[in-house]
N, C-alpha and C. Protein backbone atom coordinates (compact mmCIF):
# COMPACT_ATOMS: atom_id res chain seq x y z
N MET A 1 70.87 23.29 61.76
CA MET A 1 70.66 21.93 61.31
C MET A 1 70.28 21.90 59.83
N ALA A 2 69.46 22.85 59.40
CA ALA A 2 69.07 22.90 57.99
C ALA A 2 70.27 23.21 57.10
N PHE A 3 71.19 24.04 57.60
CA PHE A 3 72.40 24.36 56.84
C PHE A 3 73.26 23.12 56.62
N ILE A 4 73.39 22.29 57.65
CA ILE A 4 74.17 21.06 57.55
C ILE A 4 73.52 20.11 56.54
N LYS A 5 72.20 20.00 56.58
CA LYS A 5 71.50 19.13 55.63
C LYS A 5 71.63 19.66 54.20
N SER A 6 71.62 20.97 54.06
CA SER A 6 71.80 21.57 52.74
C SER A 6 73.20 21.29 52.21
N LEU A 7 74.22 21.44 53.05
CA LEU A 7 75.60 21.13 52.64
C LEU A 7 75.74 19.67 52.27
N LYS A 8 75.10 18.80 53.04
CA LYS A 8 75.16 17.37 52.75
C LYS A 8 74.54 17.07 51.39
N SER A 9 73.42 17.71 51.08
CA SER A 9 72.78 17.45 49.78
C SER A 9 73.58 18.06 48.64
N ILE A 10 74.28 19.17 48.87
CA ILE A 10 75.14 19.75 47.84
C ILE A 10 76.28 18.81 47.51
N PHE A 11 77.00 18.33 48.53
CA PHE A 11 78.18 17.50 48.29
C PHE A 11 77.83 16.07 47.88
N SER A 12 76.62 15.62 48.21
CA SER A 12 76.21 14.28 47.76
C SER A 12 75.46 14.34 46.43
N LEU A 13 75.36 15.54 45.85
CA LEU A 13 74.75 15.75 44.53
C LEU A 13 73.29 15.31 44.51
N ARG A 14 72.53 15.80 45.48
CA ARG A 14 71.11 15.46 45.61
C ARG A 14 70.23 16.65 45.28
N CYS A 15 68.96 16.38 45.11
CA CYS A 15 67.97 17.40 44.79
C CYS A 15 67.90 18.45 45.90
N PRO A 16 67.87 19.74 45.56
CA PRO A 16 67.79 20.77 46.60
C PRO A 16 66.42 20.85 47.26
N ASN A 17 65.41 20.30 46.63
CA ASN A 17 64.06 20.37 47.18
C ASN A 17 63.81 19.26 48.20
N CYS A 18 63.94 18.01 47.78
CA CYS A 18 63.65 16.89 48.68
C CYS A 18 64.91 16.31 49.32
N ARG A 19 66.07 16.62 48.76
CA ARG A 19 67.37 16.16 49.24
C ARG A 19 67.53 14.65 49.17
N GLU A 20 66.75 14.02 48.29
CA GLU A 20 66.85 12.57 48.13
C GLU A 20 67.15 12.16 46.70
N GLY A 21 66.51 12.80 45.73
CA GLY A 21 66.71 12.43 44.33
C GLY A 21 68.09 12.81 43.82
N LYS A 22 68.61 12.00 42.93
CA LYS A 22 69.96 12.23 42.39
C LYS A 22 69.91 13.25 41.25
N LEU A 23 70.89 14.14 41.22
CA LEU A 23 70.98 15.14 40.15
C LEU A 23 71.47 14.53 38.84
N PHE A 24 72.36 13.55 38.93
CA PHE A 24 73.00 13.01 37.73
C PHE A 24 72.56 11.57 37.48
N VAL A 25 72.60 11.18 36.22
CA VAL A 25 72.12 9.87 35.79
C VAL A 25 72.98 8.75 36.37
N SER A 26 74.30 8.87 36.27
CA SER A 26 75.20 7.82 36.73
C SER A 26 76.14 8.37 37.81
N PRO A 27 76.72 7.47 38.62
CA PRO A 27 77.69 7.92 39.63
C PRO A 27 78.93 8.53 38.97
N VAL A 28 79.65 9.33 39.72
CA VAL A 28 80.81 10.04 39.17
C VAL A 28 81.96 9.08 38.84
N ASN A 29 82.01 7.92 39.47
CA ASN A 29 83.10 6.98 39.19
C ASN A 29 82.88 6.18 37.91
N GLN A 30 81.71 6.31 37.29
CA GLN A 30 81.46 5.68 36.00
C GLN A 30 81.58 6.76 34.93
N PHE A 31 82.40 6.52 33.93
CA PHE A 31 82.63 7.54 32.92
C PHE A 31 81.58 7.56 31.84
N LYS A 32 80.63 6.64 31.90
CA LYS A 32 79.51 6.65 30.97
C LYS A 32 78.52 7.71 31.45
N ASP A 33 78.09 8.57 30.55
CA ASP A 33 77.13 9.64 30.89
C ASP A 33 77.64 10.52 32.02
N LEU A 34 78.91 10.88 31.97
CA LEU A 34 79.53 11.66 33.04
C LEU A 34 78.88 13.02 33.22
N PHE A 35 78.45 13.64 32.11
CA PHE A 35 77.88 14.98 32.17
C PHE A 35 76.35 14.97 32.07
N GLU A 36 75.73 13.81 32.04
CA GLU A 36 74.29 13.70 31.83
C GLU A 36 73.53 13.90 33.15
N MET A 37 72.70 14.95 33.18
CA MET A 37 71.87 15.23 34.35
C MET A 37 70.45 14.75 34.11
N ASN A 38 69.77 14.40 35.20
CA ASN A 38 68.35 14.12 35.10
C ASN A 38 67.63 15.42 34.77
N LYS A 39 66.56 15.36 34.01
CA LYS A 39 65.79 16.56 33.67
C LYS A 39 65.03 17.08 34.88
N SER A 40 64.59 16.16 35.72
CA SER A 40 63.88 16.53 36.96
C SER A 40 64.20 15.49 38.02
N CYS A 41 63.83 15.78 39.23
CA CYS A 41 64.11 14.88 40.35
C CYS A 41 63.25 13.62 40.22
N PRO A 42 63.88 12.45 40.31
CA PRO A 42 63.10 11.23 40.25
C PRO A 42 62.20 11.03 41.46
N ASN A 43 62.47 11.74 42.55
CA ASN A 43 61.70 11.57 43.77
C ASN A 43 60.54 12.56 43.89
N CYS A 44 60.82 13.86 43.72
CA CYS A 44 59.78 14.88 43.94
C CYS A 44 59.35 15.61 42.67
N GLY A 45 60.07 15.43 41.57
CA GLY A 45 59.69 16.06 40.31
C GLY A 45 60.21 17.48 40.11
N GLN A 46 61.06 17.96 41.00
CA GLN A 46 61.64 19.30 40.87
C GLN A 46 62.45 19.38 39.58
N ALA A 47 62.18 20.40 38.77
CA ALA A 47 62.93 20.58 37.52
C ALA A 47 64.35 21.01 37.84
N PHE A 48 65.31 20.41 37.15
CA PHE A 48 66.72 20.75 37.34
C PHE A 48 67.22 21.76 36.31
N PHE A 49 66.51 21.92 35.21
CA PHE A 49 66.86 22.91 34.19
C PHE A 49 65.82 24.02 34.27
N LEU A 50 66.13 25.07 35.02
CA LEU A 50 65.16 26.12 35.29
C LEU A 50 64.93 27.03 34.09
N GLU A 51 65.93 27.22 33.27
CA GLU A 51 65.81 28.03 32.05
C GLU A 51 66.96 27.68 31.11
N VAL A 52 66.86 28.14 29.89
CA VAL A 52 67.91 27.87 28.91
C VAL A 52 69.19 28.57 29.35
N GLY A 53 70.28 27.84 29.35
CA GLY A 53 71.57 28.41 29.73
C GLY A 53 71.73 28.61 31.22
N PHE A 54 70.91 27.94 32.02
CA PHE A 54 70.93 28.13 33.47
C PHE A 54 72.29 27.80 34.08
N TYR A 55 72.93 26.77 33.60
CA TYR A 55 74.17 26.31 34.23
C TYR A 55 75.41 27.04 33.75
N TRP A 56 75.27 28.07 32.97
CA TRP A 56 76.43 28.88 32.61
C TRP A 56 77.04 29.51 33.87
N GLY A 57 76.20 29.85 34.81
CA GLY A 57 76.69 30.42 36.06
C GLY A 57 77.48 29.43 36.89
N ALA A 58 77.29 28.13 36.64
CA ALA A 58 78.03 27.11 37.37
C ALA A 58 79.52 27.17 37.03
N MET A 59 79.86 27.79 35.89
CA MET A 59 81.27 27.95 35.56
C MET A 59 81.97 28.82 36.60
N TYR A 60 81.27 29.82 37.12
CA TYR A 60 81.84 30.67 38.15
C TYR A 60 82.06 29.89 39.45
N MET A 61 81.12 28.98 39.74
CA MET A 61 81.27 28.12 40.92
C MET A 61 82.49 27.21 40.75
N ALA A 62 82.62 26.62 39.56
CA ALA A 62 83.76 25.73 39.29
C ALA A 62 85.08 26.50 39.40
N TYR A 63 85.09 27.72 38.87
CA TYR A 63 86.29 28.55 38.96
C TYR A 63 86.64 28.84 40.42
N SER A 64 85.65 29.16 41.22
CA SER A 64 85.88 29.46 42.64
C SER A 64 86.40 28.24 43.39
N VAL A 65 85.76 27.10 43.17
CA VAL A 65 86.18 25.87 43.85
C VAL A 65 87.58 25.48 43.41
N ASN A 66 87.85 25.54 42.11
CA ASN A 66 89.18 25.19 41.61
C ASN A 66 90.25 26.15 42.11
N SER A 67 89.93 27.42 42.20
CA SER A 67 90.91 28.40 42.71
C SER A 67 91.26 28.11 44.16
N ALA A 68 90.25 27.84 44.96
CA ALA A 68 90.50 27.51 46.37
C ALA A 68 91.32 26.23 46.49
N LEU A 69 90.96 25.22 45.70
CA LEU A 69 91.70 23.97 45.74
C LEU A 69 93.15 24.14 45.29
N CYS A 70 93.36 24.96 44.26
CA CYS A 70 94.73 25.21 43.79
C CYS A 70 95.58 25.82 44.89
N PHE A 71 95.04 26.79 45.57
CA PHE A 71 95.79 27.43 46.66
C PHE A 71 96.09 26.44 47.77
N ILE A 72 95.07 25.68 48.19
CA ILE A 72 95.22 24.74 49.30
C ILE A 72 96.20 23.62 48.94
N LEU A 73 96.02 23.02 47.74
CA LEU A 73 96.88 21.91 47.35
C LEU A 73 98.32 22.35 47.12
N PHE A 74 98.50 23.53 46.54
CA PHE A 74 99.87 24.03 46.37
C PHE A 74 100.52 24.29 47.72
N ALA A 75 99.76 24.87 48.65
CA ALA A 75 100.30 25.15 49.98
C ALA A 75 100.67 23.85 50.71
N ILE A 76 99.84 22.83 50.55
CA ILE A 76 100.15 21.54 51.18
C ILE A 76 101.44 20.96 50.60
N GLY A 77 101.56 21.00 49.29
CA GLY A 77 102.77 20.46 48.66
C GLY A 77 104.02 21.26 48.97
N PHE A 78 103.91 22.58 48.89
CA PHE A 78 105.08 23.45 49.03
C PHE A 78 105.50 23.60 50.49
N TRP A 79 104.56 23.99 51.34
CA TRP A 79 104.91 24.22 52.74
C TRP A 79 104.72 22.99 53.61
N GLY A 80 103.69 22.20 53.32
CA GLY A 80 103.42 21.03 54.15
C GLY A 80 104.44 19.92 53.96
N PHE A 81 104.71 19.57 52.69
CA PHE A 81 105.66 18.50 52.40
C PHE A 81 107.06 19.01 52.08
N GLY A 82 107.20 20.32 51.89
CA GLY A 82 108.51 20.89 51.60
C GLY A 82 109.00 20.61 50.19
N TRP A 83 108.08 20.38 49.26
CA TRP A 83 108.46 20.10 47.88
C TRP A 83 108.87 21.39 47.17
N THR A 84 109.50 21.22 46.02
CA THR A 84 109.85 22.38 45.21
C THR A 84 108.59 22.93 44.55
N ILE A 85 108.72 24.08 43.90
CA ILE A 85 107.57 24.68 43.21
C ILE A 85 107.09 23.74 42.10
N GLY A 86 108.04 23.18 41.35
CA GLY A 86 107.67 22.25 40.28
C GLY A 86 106.97 21.00 40.80
N GLY A 87 107.48 20.44 41.87
CA GLY A 87 106.85 19.26 42.47
C GLY A 87 105.46 19.55 43.00
N SER A 88 105.29 20.74 43.57
CA SER A 88 103.98 21.13 44.07
C SER A 88 102.98 21.31 42.94
N PHE A 89 103.43 21.86 41.80
CA PHE A 89 102.54 22.02 40.64
C PHE A 89 102.17 20.66 40.03
N VAL A 90 103.10 19.73 40.02
CA VAL A 90 102.79 18.39 39.51
C VAL A 90 101.74 17.73 40.41
N PHE A 91 101.94 17.82 41.71
CA PHE A 91 100.97 17.29 42.67
C PHE A 91 99.60 17.94 42.47
N LEU A 92 99.59 19.25 42.36
CA LEU A 92 98.36 20.01 42.14
C LEU A 92 97.67 19.57 40.85
N SER A 93 98.43 19.44 39.78
CA SER A 93 97.87 19.07 38.48
C SER A 93 97.25 17.68 38.51
N ILE A 94 97.94 16.73 39.11
CA ILE A 94 97.43 15.35 39.16
C ILE A 94 96.13 15.30 39.95
N ILE A 95 96.09 15.93 41.10
CA ILE A 95 94.88 15.92 41.93
C ILE A 95 93.73 16.59 41.20
N LEU A 96 93.96 17.74 40.58
CA LEU A 96 92.88 18.45 39.89
C LEU A 96 92.36 17.68 38.69
N ILE A 97 93.23 17.00 37.98
CA ILE A 97 92.77 16.18 36.85
C ILE A 97 91.89 15.04 37.34
N LEU A 98 92.29 14.42 38.45
CA LEU A 98 91.52 13.29 38.97
C LEU A 98 90.14 13.70 39.50
N ILE A 99 90.04 14.88 40.10
CA ILE A 99 88.76 15.27 40.69
C ILE A 99 87.94 16.22 39.82
N SER A 100 88.40 16.52 38.63
CA SER A 100 87.66 17.47 37.79
C SER A 100 86.24 17.02 37.44
N PRO A 101 85.95 15.72 37.22
CA PRO A 101 84.55 15.35 36.99
C PRO A 101 83.65 15.65 38.18
N TYR A 102 84.17 15.43 39.40
CA TYR A 102 83.38 15.74 40.59
C TYR A 102 83.21 17.25 40.75
N ILE A 103 84.23 18.04 40.44
CA ILE A 103 84.13 19.49 40.54
C ILE A 103 83.08 20.01 39.57
N PHE A 104 83.03 19.45 38.36
CA PHE A 104 82.00 19.83 37.39
C PHE A 104 80.62 19.61 37.99
N ARG A 105 80.40 18.43 38.55
CA ARG A 105 79.11 18.10 39.13
C ARG A 105 78.82 18.93 40.38
N LEU A 106 79.83 19.13 41.20
CA LEU A 106 79.66 19.92 42.42
C LEU A 106 79.27 21.36 42.10
N SER A 107 79.88 21.93 41.08
CA SER A 107 79.56 23.32 40.72
C SER A 107 78.11 23.45 40.25
N ARG A 108 77.62 22.45 39.52
CA ARG A 108 76.21 22.47 39.12
C ARG A 108 75.30 22.30 40.33
N SER A 109 75.70 21.46 41.26
CA SER A 109 74.90 21.26 42.47
C SER A 109 74.83 22.54 43.31
N ILE A 110 75.97 23.20 43.48
CA ILE A 110 75.98 24.46 44.23
C ILE A 110 75.09 25.50 43.56
N TRP A 111 75.22 25.63 42.23
CA TRP A 111 74.45 26.62 41.49
C TRP A 111 72.95 26.36 41.61
N LEU A 112 72.56 25.10 41.51
CA LEU A 112 71.14 24.76 41.62
C LEU A 112 70.64 24.99 43.04
N HIS A 113 71.45 24.69 44.04
CA HIS A 113 71.04 24.90 45.42
C HIS A 113 70.90 26.39 45.77
N ILE A 114 71.60 27.25 45.06
CA ILE A 114 71.45 28.68 45.31
C ILE A 114 70.05 29.15 44.91
N PHE A 115 69.52 28.60 43.83
CA PHE A 115 68.26 29.10 43.28
C PHE A 115 67.03 28.28 43.66
N VAL A 116 67.19 27.09 44.17
CA VAL A 116 66.05 26.26 44.55
C VAL A 116 66.13 25.98 46.04
N ARG A 117 65.11 26.37 46.73
CA ARG A 117 65.02 26.13 48.17
C ARG A 117 64.01 25.02 48.44
N PRO A 118 64.18 24.28 49.53
CA PRO A 118 63.18 23.26 49.86
C PRO A 118 61.80 23.90 50.06
N LYS A 119 60.79 23.27 49.50
CA LYS A 119 59.44 23.79 49.63
C LYS A 119 58.90 23.64 51.05
N ILE A 120 59.31 22.59 51.71
CA ILE A 120 58.89 22.34 53.10
C ILE A 120 60.11 22.48 53.98
N GLU A 121 60.19 23.58 54.70
CA GLU A 121 61.30 23.80 55.61
C GLU A 121 61.08 22.99 56.88
N GLU A 122 62.16 22.47 57.41
CA GLU A 122 62.07 21.71 58.65
C GLU A 122 61.89 22.66 59.82
N LYS A 123 61.03 22.28 60.72
CA LYS A 123 60.77 23.11 61.90
C LYS A 123 61.56 22.58 63.07
N ASN A 124 62.07 23.49 63.88
CA ASN A 124 62.79 23.10 65.09
C ASN A 124 61.78 22.65 66.14
N VAL A 125 62.00 21.46 66.65
CA VAL A 125 61.07 20.92 67.66
C VAL A 125 61.67 21.01 69.01
């Protein structure tokens, strides 16, 4: 159950500690302050910038997520819809361009969740 809640907070871009505070200043569908993160959780005060250059490792997360998506989307276009290689790459490119702001945010959320655990673990009742 805790794993499911952790995944939910990762994909909803929430604080890894309290799972309620937002990581980013504005929603992903607003292009204003697209890359602007809160310095700390508005709910529990958990710091989001643990050290200088902390989010450099999030590039590896973004690379991993994008690589998996490239394989899946190309396979869907090529084998699922029966498109040509060129058509599948166009499909892949359009989808990746559209979701790249979310992938940026998701990679930072994954990276932060790796290093910050909830202070109060839920107990099985």
